[in-house]
C-alpha atoms as a PDB file:
ATOM      1  CA  MET A   1      45.877  65.188 -85.168  1.00  0.00           C
ATOM      2  CA  LEU A   2      46.499  66.994 -88.459  1.00  0.00           C
ATOM      3  CA  SER A   3      45.124  70.518 -88.596  1.00  0.00           C
ATOM      4  CA  ARG A   4      43.089  69.753 -91.730  1.00  0.00           C
ATOM      5  CA  VAL A   5      41.403  66.839 -89.939  1.00  0.00           C
ATOM      6  CA  ALA A   6      40.534  68.966 -86.925  1.00  0.00           C
ATOM      7  CA  ASP A   7      39.214  71.689 -89.237  1.00  0.00           C
ATOM      8  CA  SER A   8      37.001  69.298 -91.227  1.00  0.00           C
ATOM      9  CA  LEU A   9      35.558  67.588 -88.145  1.00  0.00           C
ATOM     10  CA  TYR A  10      34.865  70.960 -86.550  1.00  0.00           C
ATOM     11  CA  TRP A  11      33.082  72.367 -89.609  1.00  0.00           C
ATOM     12  CA  MET A  12      31.231  69.145 -90.381  1.00  0.00           C
ATOM     13  CA  SER A  13      29.688  69.426 -86.935  1.00  0.00           C
ATOM     14  CA  ARG A  14      28.927  73.145 -87.227  1.00  0.00           C
ATOM     15  CA  TYR A  15      27.199  72.745 -90.596  1.00  0.00           C
ATOM     16  CA  LEU A  16      25.027  69.862 -89.379  1.00  0.00           C
ATOM     17  CA  GLU A  17      24.072  71.821 -86.263  1.00  0.00           C
ATOM     18  CA  ARG A  18      23.214  74.790 -88.484  1.00  0.00           C
ATOM     19  CA  ALA A  19      21.107  72.579 -90.753  1.00  0.00           C
ATOM     20  CA  GLU A  20      19.203  71.170 -87.780  1.00  0.00           C
ATOM     21  CA  HIS A  21      18.636  74.678 -86.412  1.00  0.00           C
ATOM     22  CA  THR A  22      17.389  75.985 -89.781  1.00  0.00           C
ATOM     23  CA  ALA A  23      15.039  73.024 -90.257  1.00  0.00           C
ATOM     24  CA  ARG A  24      13.654  73.506 -86.758  1.00  0.00           C
ATOM     25  CA  LEU A  25      12.959  77.216 -87.244  1.00  0.00           C
ATOM     26  CA  LEU A  26      11.326  76.638 -90.625  1.00  0.00           C
ATOM     27  CA  GLY A  27       9.123  73.896 -89.188  1.00  0.00           C
ATOM     28  CA  VAL A  28       8.014  76.105 -86.292  1.00  0.00           C
ATOM     29  CA  GLY A  29       7.506  79.050 -88.635  1.00  0.00           C
ATOM     30  CA  LEU A  30       5.265  77.066 -90.958  1.00  0.00           C
ATOM     31  CA  THR A  31       3.260  75.694 -88.029  1.00  0.00           C
ATOM     32  CA  GLN A  32       2.870  79.132 -86.467  1.00  0.00           C
ATOM     33  CA  THR A  33       1.658  80.809 -89.647  1.00  0.00           C
ATOM     34  CA  LEU A  34      -1.030  78.235 -90.493  1.00  0.00           C
ATOM     35  CA  GLY A  35      -4.303  80.062 -90.961  1.00  0.00           C
ATOM     36  CA  GLN A  36      -2.748  83.496 -90.543  1.00  0.00           C
ATOM     37  CA  ASN A  37      -3.044  86.375 -92.959  1.00  0.00           C
ATOM     38  CA  ALA A  38       0.062  87.938 -94.499  1.00  0.00           C
ATOM     39  CA  ALA A  39       0.015  90.935 -92.164  1.00  0.00           C
ATOM     40  CA  ALA A  40       0.170  88.731 -89.075  1.00  0.00           C
ATOM     41  CA  ALA A  41       2.725  86.346 -90.568  1.00  0.00           C
ATOM     42  CA  LYS A  42       5.174  88.966 -91.839  1.00  0.00           C
ATOM     43  CA  PRO A  43       6.752  90.035 -88.490  1.00  0.00           C
ATOM     44  CA  ARG A  44       7.075  86.403 -87.434  1.00  0.00           C
ATOM     45  CA  TRP A  45       8.864  85.442 -90.624  1.00  0.00           C
ATOM     46  CA  ALA A  46      11.004  88.577 -90.305  1.00  0.00           C
ATOM     47  CA  ARG A  47      12.260  87.397 -86.904  1.00  0.00           C
ATOM     48  CA  ILE A  48      13.028  83.913 -88.229  1.00  0.00           C
ATOM     49  CA  LEU A  49      14.840  85.310 -91.268  1.00  0.00           C
ATOM     50  CA  THR A  50      16.913  87.646 -89.101  1.00  0.00           C
ATOM     51  CA  ALA A  51      17.778  84.786 -86.745  1.00  0.00           C
ATOM     52  CA  LEU A  52      18.962  82.766 -89.753  1.00  0.00           C
ATOM     53  CA  HIS A  53      21.121  85.623 -91.088  1.00  0.00           C
ATOM     54  CA  SER A  54      18.776  85.978 -94.076  1.00  0.00           C
ATOM     55  CA  ALA A  55      17.173  89.348 -93.380  1.00  0.00           C
ATOM     56  CA  SER A  56      17.463  90.258 -97.069  1.00  0.00           C
ATOM     57  CA  LEU A  57      14.681  87.751 -97.763  1.00  0.00           C
ATOM     58  CA  THR A  58      12.129  89.849 -95.853  1.00  0.00           C
ATOM     59  CA  SER A  59      11.458  91.520 -99.212  1.00  0.00           C
ATOM     60  CA  LEU A  60       9.509  88.385-100.119  1.00  0.00           C
ATOM     61  CA  GLU A  61       6.624  89.923 -98.145  1.00  0.00           C
ATOM     62  CA  ALA A  62       5.785  86.840 -96.116  1.00  0.00           C
ATOM     63  CA  ASP A  63       5.470  84.655 -99.220  1.00  0.00           C
ATOM     64  CA  THR A  64       5.722  81.427 -97.268  1.00  0.00           C
ATOM     65  CA  TYR A  65       6.509  79.276-100.285  1.00  0.00           C
ATOM     66  CA  ALA A  66       9.249  81.618-101.553  1.00  0.00           C
ATOM     67  CA  ILE A  67      10.835  81.894 -98.103  1.00  0.00           C
ATOM     68  CA  THR A  68      10.761  78.127 -97.640  1.00  0.00           C
ATOM     69  CA  GLU A  69      12.309  77.518-101.058  1.00  0.00           C
ATOM     70  CA  ALA A  70      15.072  80.097-100.512  1.00  0.00           C
ATOM     71  CA  LEU A  71      16.013  78.770 -97.079  1.00  0.00           C
ATOM     72  CA  THR A  72      15.846  75.130 -98.127  1.00  0.00           C
ATOM     73  CA  PHE A  73      16.883  74.587-101.741  1.00  0.00           C
ATOM     74  CA  ASP A  74      18.612  77.742-103.020  1.00  0.00           C
ATOM     75  CA  PRO A  75      22.253  76.705-103.654  1.00  0.00           C
ATOM     76  CA  GLU A  76      23.251  80.381-103.892  1.00  0.00           C
ATOM     77  CA  ASN A  77      22.125  80.932-100.305  1.00  0.00           C
ATOM     78  CA  SER A  78      25.010  79.873 -98.058  1.00  0.00           C
ATOM     79  CA  ASN A  79      22.598  79.522 -95.118  1.00  0.00           C
ATOM     80  CA  ALA A  80      20.107  77.316 -96.970  1.00  0.00           C
ATOM     81  CA  LEU A  81      19.621  73.740 -95.810  1.00  0.00           C
ATOM     82  CA  VAL A  82      20.991  72.283 -99.029  1.00  0.00           C
ATOM     83  CA  SER A  83      24.175  74.354 -98.657  1.00  0.00           C
ATOM     84  CA  CYS A  84      24.685  73.374 -95.016  1.00  0.00           C
ATOM     85  CA  VAL A  85      24.192  69.659 -95.657  1.00  0.00           C
ATOM     86  CA  THR A  86      26.415  69.771 -98.760  1.00  0.00           C
ATOM     87  CA  HIS A  87      29.226  71.483 -96.856  1.00  0.00           C
ATOM     88  CA  ALA A  88      28.855  69.010 -93.987  1.00  0.00           C
ATOM     89  CA  ARG A  89      29.172  66.080 -96.415  1.00  0.00           C
ATOM     90  CA  GLU A  90      32.196  67.648 -98.123  1.00  0.00           C
ATOM     91  CA  ASN A  91      33.954  68.015 -94.791  1.00  0.00           C
ATOM     92  CA  ALA A  92      33.005  64.465 -93.805  1.00  0.00           C
ATOM     93  CA  HIS A  93      34.478  63.234 -97.096  1.00  0.00           C
ATOM     94  CA  GLN A  94      37.757  64.988 -96.277  1.00  0.00           C
ATOM     95  CA  VAL A  95      38.055  62.946 -93.070  1.00  0.00           C
ATOM     96  CA  ARG A  96      36.446  59.720 -94.257  1.00  0.00           C
ATOM     97  CA  GLU A  97      39.182  57.680 -92.577  1.00  0.00           C
ATOM     98  CA  GLN A  98      38.617  59.416 -89.217  1.00  0.00           C
ATOM     99  CA  ILE A  99      34.863  58.885 -88.890  1.00  0.00           C
ATOM    100  CA  SER A 100      32.917  55.643 -88.682  1.00  0.00           C
ATOM    101  CA  SER A 101      31.185  54.017 -91.663  1.00  0.00           C
ATOM    102  CA  GLU A 102      27.854  54.580 -89.943  1.00  0.00           C
ATOM    103  CA  MET A 103      28.537  58.315 -89.660  1.00  0.00           C
ATOM    104  CA  TRP A 104      29.461  58.534 -93.343  1.00  0.00           C
ATOM    105  CA  GLU A 105      26.351  56.590 -94.383  1.00  0.00           C
ATOM    106  CA  GLN A 106      24.092  58.830 -92.301  1.00  0.00           C
ATOM    107  CA  VAL A 107      25.465  62.109 -93.638  1.00  0.00           C
ATOM    108  CA  ASN A 108      25.105  60.651 -97.155  1.00  0.00           C
ATOM    109  CA  ARG A 109      21.479  59.727 -96.478  1.00  0.00           C
ATOM    110  CA  LEU A 110      20.778  63.262 -95.363  1.00  0.00           C
ATOM    111  CA  TYR A 111      22.582  64.673 -98.390  1.00  0.00           C
ATOM    112  CA  LEU A 112      20.687  62.464-100.839  1.00  0.00           C
ATOM    113  CA  ARG A 113      17.409  63.379 -99.140  1.00  0.00           C
ATOM    114  CA  MET A 114      18.135  67.039 -99.839  1.00  0.00           C
ATOM    115  CA  ARG A 115      19.361  66.458-103.384  1.00  0.00           C
ATOM    116  CA  THR A 116      16.435  64.303-104.512  1.00  0.00           C
ATOM    117  CA  THR A 117      13.707  66.582-103.139  1.00  0.00           C
ATOM    118  CA  SER A 118      12.341  69.864-104.471  1.00  0.00           C
ATOM    119  CA  ALA A 119      10.281  72.679-103.006  1.00  0.00           C
ATOM    120  CA  GLU A 120       7.336  71.702-105.206  1.00  0.00           C
ATOM    121  CA  GLN A 121       7.490  68.123-103.977  1.00  0.00           C
ATOM    122  CA  ILE A 122       7.533  68.882-100.262  1.00  0.00           C
ATOM    123  CA  TRP A 123       4.843  71.519-100.727  1.00  0.00           C
ATOM    124  CA  GLN A 124       2.524  69.012-102.383  1.00  0.00           C
ATOM    125  CA  GLU A 125       3.143  66.520 -99.616  1.00  0.00           C
ATOM    126  CA  GLU A 126       3.800  68.009 -96.167  1.00  0.00           C
ATOM    127  CA  PRO A 127       6.652  70.526 -95.697  1.00  0.00           C
ATOM    128  CA  ILE A 128       6.539  70.328 -91.899  1.00  0.00           C
ATOM    129  CA  ASP A 129       7.155  66.567 -92.079  1.00  0.00           C
ATOM    130  CA  PHE A 130      10.109  67.166 -94.395  1.00  0.00           C
ATOM    131  CA  PHE A 131      11.775  69.549 -91.945  1.00  0.00           C
ATOM    132  CA  HIS A 132      11.068  67.106 -89.146  1.00  0.00           C
ATOM    133  CA  SER A 133      12.908  64.399 -91.121  1.00  0.00           C
ATOM    134  CA  VAL A 134      15.920  66.719 -91.550  1.00  0.00           C
ATOM    135  CA  LYS A 135      16.003  67.349 -87.807  1.00  0.00           C
ATOM    136  CA  GLU A 136      15.777  63.627 -87.134  1.00  0.00           C
ATOM    137  CA  GLY A 137      18.586  63.002 -89.609  1.00  0.00           C
ATOM    138  CA  ALA A 138      20.862  65.470 -87.806  1.00  0.00           C
ATOM    139  CA  HIS A 139      19.928  64.026 -84.405  1.00  0.00           C
ATOM    140  CA  LEU A 140      20.594  60.524 -85.687  1.00  0.00           C
ATOM    141  CA  PHE A 141      24.029  61.596 -86.890  1.00  0.00           C
ATOM    142  CA  GLN A 142      24.833  62.968 -83.431  1.00  0.00           C
ATOM    143  CA  GLY A 143      23.697  59.753 -81.794  1.00  0.00           C
ATOM    144  CA  ILE A 144      25.663  57.600 -84.242  1.00  0.00           C
ATOM    145  CA  THR A 145      28.736  59.755 -83.657  1.00  0.00           C
ATOM    146  CA  ASP A 146      28.541  59.296 -79.899  1.00  0.00           C
ATOM    147  CA  ALA A 147      27.916  55.559 -80.239  1.00  0.00           C
ATOM    148  CA  THR A 148      30.479  54.624 -82.905  1.00  0.00           C
ATOM    149  CA  MET A 149      33.358  57.102 -82.771  1.00  0.00           C
ATOM    150  CA  SER A 150      36.167  56.959 -80.229  1.00  0.00           C
ATOM    151  CA  HIS A 151      35.752  59.774 -77.708  1.00  0.00           C
ATOM    152  CA  ASP A 152      39.205  61.117 -78.385  1.00  0.00           C
ATOM    153  CA  GLU A 153      40.546  64.384 -79.735  1.00  0.00           C
ATOM    154  CA  GLY A 154      38.522  64.220 -82.972  1.00  0.00           C
ATOM    155  CA  TRP A 155      35.276  63.604 -81.115  1.00  0.00           C
ATOM    156  CA  TYR A 156      35.920  66.641 -78.942  1.00  0.00           C
ATOM    157  CA  PHE A 157      36.439  68.848 -82.001  1.00  0.00           C
ATOM    158  CA  ILE A 158      32.994  67.714 -83.147  1.00  0.00           C
ATOM    159  CA  GLN A 159      31.505  68.620 -79.752  1.00  0.00           C
ATOM    160  CA  VAL A 160      33.154  72.032 -79.672  1.00  0.00           C
ATOM    161  CA  GLY A 161      31.951  72.818 -83.197  1.00  0.00           C
ATOM    162  CA  ARG A 162      28.408  71.787 -82.354  1.00  0.00           C
ATOM    163  CA  TYR A 163      28.167  73.848 -79.195  1.00  0.00           C
ATOM    164  CA  ILE A 164      29.828  76.976 -80.577  1.00  0.00           C
ATOM    165  CA  GLU A 165      27.287  76.921 -83.402  1.00  0.00           C
ATOM    166  CA  ARG A 166      24.452  76.318 -80.944  1.00  0.00           C
ATOM    167  CA  THR A 167      25.542  79.114 -78.609  1.00  0.00           C
ATOM    168  CA  ASP A 168      25.739  81.641 -81.426  1.00  0.00           C
ATOM    169  CA  ALA A 169      22.430  80.543 -82.976  1.00  0.00           C
ATOM    170  CA  THR A 170      20.517  80.609 -79.687  1.00  0.00           C
ATOM    171  CA  ALA A 171      21.889  84.031 -78.743  1.00  0.00           C
ATOM    172  CA  MET A 172      20.877  85.391 -82.157  1.00  0.00           C
ATOM    173  CA  LEU A 173      17.412  83.872 -81.847  1.00  0.00           C
ATOM    174  CA  LEU A 174      16.898  85.381 -78.390  1.00  0.00           C
ATOM    175  CA  ASP A 175      18.043  88.775 -79.628  1.00  0.00           C
ATOM    176  CA  THR A 176      15.510  88.834 -82.477  1.00  0.00           C
ATOM    177  CA  HIS A 177      12.660  88.131 -80.049  1.00  0.00           C
ATOM    178  CA  PHE A 178      13.657  90.299 -77.113  1.00  0.00           C
ATOM    179  CA  ARG A 179      14.551  93.452 -79.021  1.00  0.00           C
ATOM    180  CA  PRO A 180      10.918  94.248 -79.949  1.00  0.00           C
ATOM    181  CA  TYR A 181       9.754  93.091 -76.512  1.00  0.00           C
ATOM    182  CA  LEU A 182      12.141  95.389 -74.628  1.00  0.00           C
ATOM    183  CA  ALA A 183      11.479  98.294 -77.014  1.00  0.00           C
ATOM    184  CA  THR A 184       7.731  98.286 -76.260  1.00  0.00           C
ATOM    185  CA  LEU A 185       6.638 101.231 -74.102  1.00  0.00           C
ATOM    186  CA  PRO A 186       4.444 100.565 -71.040  1.00  0.00           C
ATOM    187  CA  ASP A 187       1.337 102.142 -72.609  1.00  0.00           C
ATOM    188  CA  GLU A 188       1.721 100.266 -75.903  1.00  0.00           C
ATOM    189  CA  PRO A 189       0.300  96.830 -76.765  1.00  0.00           C
ATOM    190  CA  PRO A 190       2.824  94.011 -76.450  1.00  0.00           C
ATOM    191  CA  ALA A 191       5.033  93.554 -79.494  1.00  0.00           C
ATOM    192  CA  LEU A 192       4.906  89.761 -79.077  1.00  0.00           C
ATOM    193  CA  GLU A 193       1.974  87.574 -78.131  1.00  0.00           C
ATOM    194  CA  PHE A 194       1.820  84.476 -75.952  1.00  0.00           C
ATOM    195  CA  ASN A 195       2.099  82.223 -79.020  1.00  0.00           C
ATOM    196  CA  ASP A 196       5.303  83.994 -80.050  1.00  0.00           C
ATOM    197  CA  TRP A 197       6.996  83.055 -76.765  1.00  0.00           C
ATOM    198  CA  VAL A 198       5.779  79.475 -77.086  1.00  0.00           C
ATOM    199  CA  ALA A 199       7.178  79.448 -80.638  1.00  0.00           C
ATOM    200  CA  LEU A 200      10.534  80.718 -79.355  1.00  0.00           C
ATOM    201  CA  LEU A 201      10.732  77.819 -76.906  1.00  0.00           C
ATOM    202  CA  LYS A 202       9.764  75.377 -79.651  1.00  0.00           C
ATOM    203  CA  CYS A 203      12.443  76.885 -81.892  1.00  0.00           C
ATOM    204  CA  CYS A 204      14.873  75.655 -79.237  1.00  0.00           C
ATOM    205  CA  THR A 205      13.031  72.349 -78.664  1.00  0.00           C
ATOM    206  CA  ALA A 206      12.639  73.566 -75.093  1.00  0.00           C
ATOM    207  CA  PHE A 207       8.891  74.012 -74.554  1.00  0.00           C
ATOM    208  CA  GLU A 208       8.326  70.752 -72.695  1.00  0.00           C
ATOM    209  CA  SER A 209      11.454  71.093 -70.570  1.00  0.00           C
ATOM    210  CA  TYR A 210      10.471  74.687 -69.788  1.00  0.00           C
ATOM    211  CA  CYS A 211       7.038  73.540 -68.627  1.00  0.00           C
ATOM    212  CA  LYS A 212       8.644  71.015 -66.278  1.00  0.00           C
ATOM    213  CA  VAL A 213      10.514  73.856 -64.583  1.00  0.00           C
ATOM    214  CA  TYR A 214       8.005  76.731 -64.752  1.00  0.00           C
ATOM    215  CA  THR A 215       4.719  74.983 -65.709  1.00  0.00           C
ATOM    216  CA  ALA A 216       2.862  76.215 -68.801  1.00  0.00           C
ATOM    217  CA  ASP A 217       2.921  79.817 -67.579  1.00  0.00           C
ATOM    218  CA  VAL A 218       5.096  81.205 -70.360  1.00  0.00           C
ATOM    219  CA  GLN A 219       6.536  84.565 -69.318  1.00  0.00           C
ATOM    220  CA  PRO A 220       9.255  86.459 -71.251  1.00  0.00           C
ATOM    221  CA  THR A 221      11.509  86.823 -68.206  1.00  0.00           C
ATOM    222  CA  ARG A 222      11.329  83.110 -67.460  1.00  0.00           C
ATOM    223  CA  VAL A 223      11.941  82.257 -71.122  1.00  0.00           C
ATOM    224  CA  ALA A 224      15.072  84.416 -71.090  1.00  0.00           C
ATOM    225  CA  GLU A 225      16.276  82.812 -67.866  1.00  0.00           C
ATOM    226  CA  PHE A 226      15.654  79.287 -69.135  1.00  0.00           C
ATOM    227  CA  LEU A 227      17.257  79.680 -72.562  1.00  0.00           C
ATOM    228  CA  LEU A 228      20.188  81.698 -71.280  1.00  0.00           C
ATOM    229  CA  LEU A 229      21.026  80.488 -67.799  1.00  0.00           C
ATOM    230  CA  ASP A 230      19.560  77.032 -67.195  1.00  0.00           C
ATOM    231  CA  ALA A 231      22.381  74.618 -66.392  1.00  0.00           C
ATOM    232  CA  HIS A 232      20.548  71.457 -67.478  1.00  0.00           C
ATOM    233  CA  SER A 233      18.658  72.273 -70.675  1.00  0.00           C
ATOM    234  CA  PRO A 234      20.740  71.115 -73.680  1.00  0.00           C
ATOM    235  CA  ARG A 235      19.558  74.121 -75.692  1.00  0.00           C
ATOM    236  CA  SER A 236      20.474  76.796 -73.162  1.00  0.00           C
ATOM    237  CA  VAL A 237      23.453  79.054 -73.773  1.00  0.00           C
ATOM    238  CA  ARG A 238      24.912  78.187 -70.362  1.00  0.00           C
ATOM    239  CA  PHE A 239      24.753  74.439 -71.063  1.00  0.00           C
ATOM    240  CA  ALA A 240      26.456  74.917 -74.429  1.00  0.00           C
ATOM    241  CA  ALA A 241      29.164  77.143 -72.950  1.00  0.00           C
ATOM    242  CA  ASP A 242      29.907  74.474 -70.353  1.00  0.00           C
ATOM    243  CA  HIS A 243      30.426  71.874 -73.093  1.00  0.00           C
ATOM    244  CA  ILE A 244      32.622  74.223 -75.126  1.00  0.00           C
ATOM    245  CA  GLN A 245      34.932  74.663 -72.164  1.00  0.00           C
ATOM    246  CA  ARG A 246      34.999  70.936 -71.373  1.00  0.00           C
ATOM    247  CA  GLY A 247      35.757  70.070 -74.978  1.00  0.00           C
ATOM    248  CA  LEU A 248      38.596  72.571 -75.232  1.00  0.00           C
ATOM    249  CA  GLN A 249      40.093  71.333 -71.958  1.00  0.00           C
ATOM    250  CA  ALA A 250      40.008  67.749 -73.247  1.00  0.00           C
ATOM    251  CA  ILE A 251      41.629  68.759 -76.553  1.00  0.00           C
ATOM    252  CA  ALA A 252      44.368  70.664 -74.706  1.00  0.00           C
ATOM    253  CA  ARG A 253      45.103  67.649 -72.520  1.00  0.00           C
ATOM    254  CA  SER A 254      45.196  65.376 -75.558  1.00  0.00           C
ATOM    255  CA  THR A 255      47.482  67.592 -77.643  1.00  0.00           C
ATOM    256  CA  GLY A 256      49.627  68.978 -74.849  1.00  0.00           C
ATOM    257  CA  SER A 257      49.559  72.324 -76.639  1.00  0.00           C
ATOM    258  CA  ARG A 258      51.039  75.219 -74.709  1.00  0.00           C
ATOM    259  CA  ALA A 259      49.097  77.688 -76.840  1.00  0.00           C
ATOM    260  CA  ALA A 260      45.700  76.222 -75.918  1.00  0.00           C
ATOM    261  CA  GLY A 261      45.307  78.575 -72.970  1.00  0.00           C
ATOM    262  CA  ARG A 262      43.706  81.450 -74.863  1.00  0.00           C
ATOM    263  CA  ALA A 263      40.785  79.411 -76.209  1.00  0.00           C
ATOM    264  CA  GLU A 264      40.260  77.857 -72.769  1.00  0.00           C
ATOM    265  CA  ARG A 265      40.369  81.251 -71.058  1.00  0.00           C
ATOM    266  CA  LEU A 266      37.806  82.734 -73.433  1.00  0.00           C
ATOM    267  CA  ALA A 267      35.528  79.729 -72.952  1.00  0.00           C
ATOM    268  CA  GLY A 268      35.971  79.894 -69.181  1.00  0.00           C
ATOM    269  CA  ARG A 269      35.185  83.607 -69.151  1.00  0.00           C
ATOM    270  CA  LEU A 270      31.976  82.993 -71.113  1.00  0.00           C
ATOM    271  CA  ARG A 271      30.958  80.159 -68.829  1.00  0.00           C
ATOM    272  CA  ALA A 272      31.666  82.188 -65.681  1.00  0.00           C
ATOM    273  CA  ALA A 273      29.558  85.101 -66.946  1.00  0.00           C
ATOM    274  CA  LEU A 274      26.653  82.726 -67.482  1.00  0.00           C
ATOM    275  CA  ASP A 275      27.191  80.788 -64.235  1.00  0.00           C
ATOM    276  CA  TYR A 276      26.865  83.966 -62.200  1.00  0.00           C
ATOM    277  CA  GLY A 277      24.471  85.882 -64.454  1.00  0.00           C
ATOM    278  CA  GLN A 278      21.089  87.072 -63.195  1.00  0.00           C
ATOM    279  CA  VAL A 279      18.264  87.429 -65.703  1.00  0.00           C
ATOM    280  CA  ASP A 280      16.808  90.522 -64.005  1.00  0.00           C
ATOM    281  CA  GLU A 281      20.130  92.317 -64.316  1.00  0.00           C
ATOM    282  CA  ILE A 282      20.566  91.241 -67.935  1.00  0.00           C
ATOM    283  CA  LEU A 283      17.093  92.479 -68.894  1.00  0.00           C
ATOM    284  CA  ALA A 284      17.432  95.719 -66.936  1.00  0.00           C
ATOM    285  CA  ASP A 285      20.893  96.612 -68.206  1.00  0.00           C
ATOM    286  CA  ASP A 286      21.222  95.780 -71.892  1.00  0.00           C
ATOM    287  CA  MET A 287      20.071  92.384 -73.096  1.00  0.00           C
ATOM    288  CA  HIS A 288      21.025  93.140 -76.687  1.00  0.00           C
ATOM    289  CA  GLY A 289      24.515  94.056 -75.497  1.00  0.00           C
ATOM    290  CA  SER A 290      24.770  90.883 -73.409  1.00  0.00           C
ATOM    291  CA  LEU A 291      23.695  88.662 -76.303  1.00  0.00           C
ATOM    292  CA  SER A 292      26.045  90.479 -78.670  1.00  0.00           C
ATOM    293  CA  ALA A 293      28.868  89.906 -76.172  1.00  0.00           C
ATOM    294  CA  ILE A 294      28.059  86.176 -76.124  1.00  0.00           C
ATOM    295  CA  ARG A 295      28.257  86.049 -79.905  1.00  0.00           C
ATOM    296  CA  ARG A 296      31.549  87.960 -79.879  1.00  0.00           C
ATOM    297  CA  SER A 297      32.848  85.428 -77.363  1.00  0.00           C
ATOM    298  CA  CYS A 298      31.965  82.643 -79.805  1.00  0.00           C
ATOM    299  CA  ASP A 299      33.858  84.483 -82.547  1.00  0.00           C
ATOM    300  CA  GLY A 300      36.832  84.912 -80.228  1.00  0.00           C
ATOM    301  CA  ILE A 301      36.853  81.242 -79.238  1.00  0.00           C
ATOM    302  CA  HIS A 302      36.592  80.231 -82.897  1.00  0.00           C
ATOM    303  CA  ALA A 303      39.544  82.490 -83.787  1.00  0.00           C
ATOM    304  CA  ALA A 304      41.594  81.114 -80.884  1.00  0.00           C
ATOM    305  CA  ILE A 305      40.876  77.528 -81.977  1.00  0.00           C
ATOM    306  CA  TYR A 306      42.100  78.352 -85.477  1.00  0.00           C
ATOM    307  CA  GLN A 307      45.226  80.080 -84.224  1.00  0.00           C
ATOM    308  CA  THR A 308      46.036  77.164 -81.934  1.00  0.00           C
ATOM    309  CA  TYR A 309      45.031  74.056 -83.878  1.00  0.00           C
ATOM    310  CA  VAL A 310      44.427  74.940 -87.536  1.00  0.00           C
ATOM    311  CA  ALA A 311      46.301  77.975 -88.844  1.00  0.00           C
ATOM    312  CA  TYR A 312      49.196  78.002 -86.399  1.00  0.00           C
ATOM    313  CA  PRO A 313      52.696  78.976 -87.614  1.00  0.00           C
ATOM    314  CA  VAL A 314      55.117  76.105 -88.173  1.00  0.00           C
ATOM    315  CA  GLU A 315      57.458  77.573 -85.556  1.00  0.00           C
ATOM    316  CA  THR A 316      54.875  76.673 -82.921  1.00  0.00           C
ATOM    317  CA  VAL A 317      55.237  72.968 -83.680  1.00  0.00           C
ATOM    318  CA  PHE A 318      59.014  73.055 -83.402  1.00  0.00           C
ATOM    319  CA  SER A 319      58.892  75.035 -80.158  1.00  0.00           C
ATOM    320  CA  GLN A 320      56.685  72.336 -78.618  1.00  0.00           C
ATOM    321  CA  GLN A 321      58.893  69.502 -79.827  1.00  0.00           C
ATOM    322  CA  PHE A 322      62.243  70.832 -78.598  1.00  0.00           C
END
């Protein structure tokens, strides 16, 4: 596979995963702040903005409309929904011959939905429904991809991109919620309320699956264990790390690349740390440090993928051929 094709498939997947994540957090944020005053809503929006790498927008002072507009329709904001969907479509266009017609049509539908809608329009109608439709559009694209695209090297680049993005986003989201929780002194009131932990699970579409494991008794320690270490929840960091490693192993087998070992080793190291991790130890030692290490691992895997499959020196190709 050409490096430019691998690169476009990888980033198409990452941008769509990022769009789905942003839409989900905005939908939960709007639901959570219904009926709240600005003072109560501000710290909740601050956590969402930090999780979406948009902490500079906290100056909007919990202006829900302004925050929603900036994170949805501001083309100057690289993390806004419109930017993510536009970049995903651009990358899909670069590899039009590699993806199915159904995939191209679905990413176009999502793009046109973003381009023909404004903040004023969704605010007059129902903004939560709009974000739900964006999530559904991203989920539909994933389903169409799995159903219509050959599960070969290109498909695995899409999987790896999706799960690297998901791992990084979930780790960042956990960090924004657990930092104030762990910083609270024993004689102080809790920094986060019960509804905040429920919202965190809903931000990961994991509330119902959590309840099936732990019942509706939502406890911070159990939330951390479920979103970090559960082997079966598709939104847990451990689940995503497992799929990153599997995808990289499949790509290495397909390409026969001798240089693929570094990316595989980094993915295997991340997976092993999560396979044998204990939530009590993580919370007692340094949860912020552990989550930062997970995000650094994602950066390292991303860099190794680029060095191996995208930005490799031409000498590497000749050394593998002769």
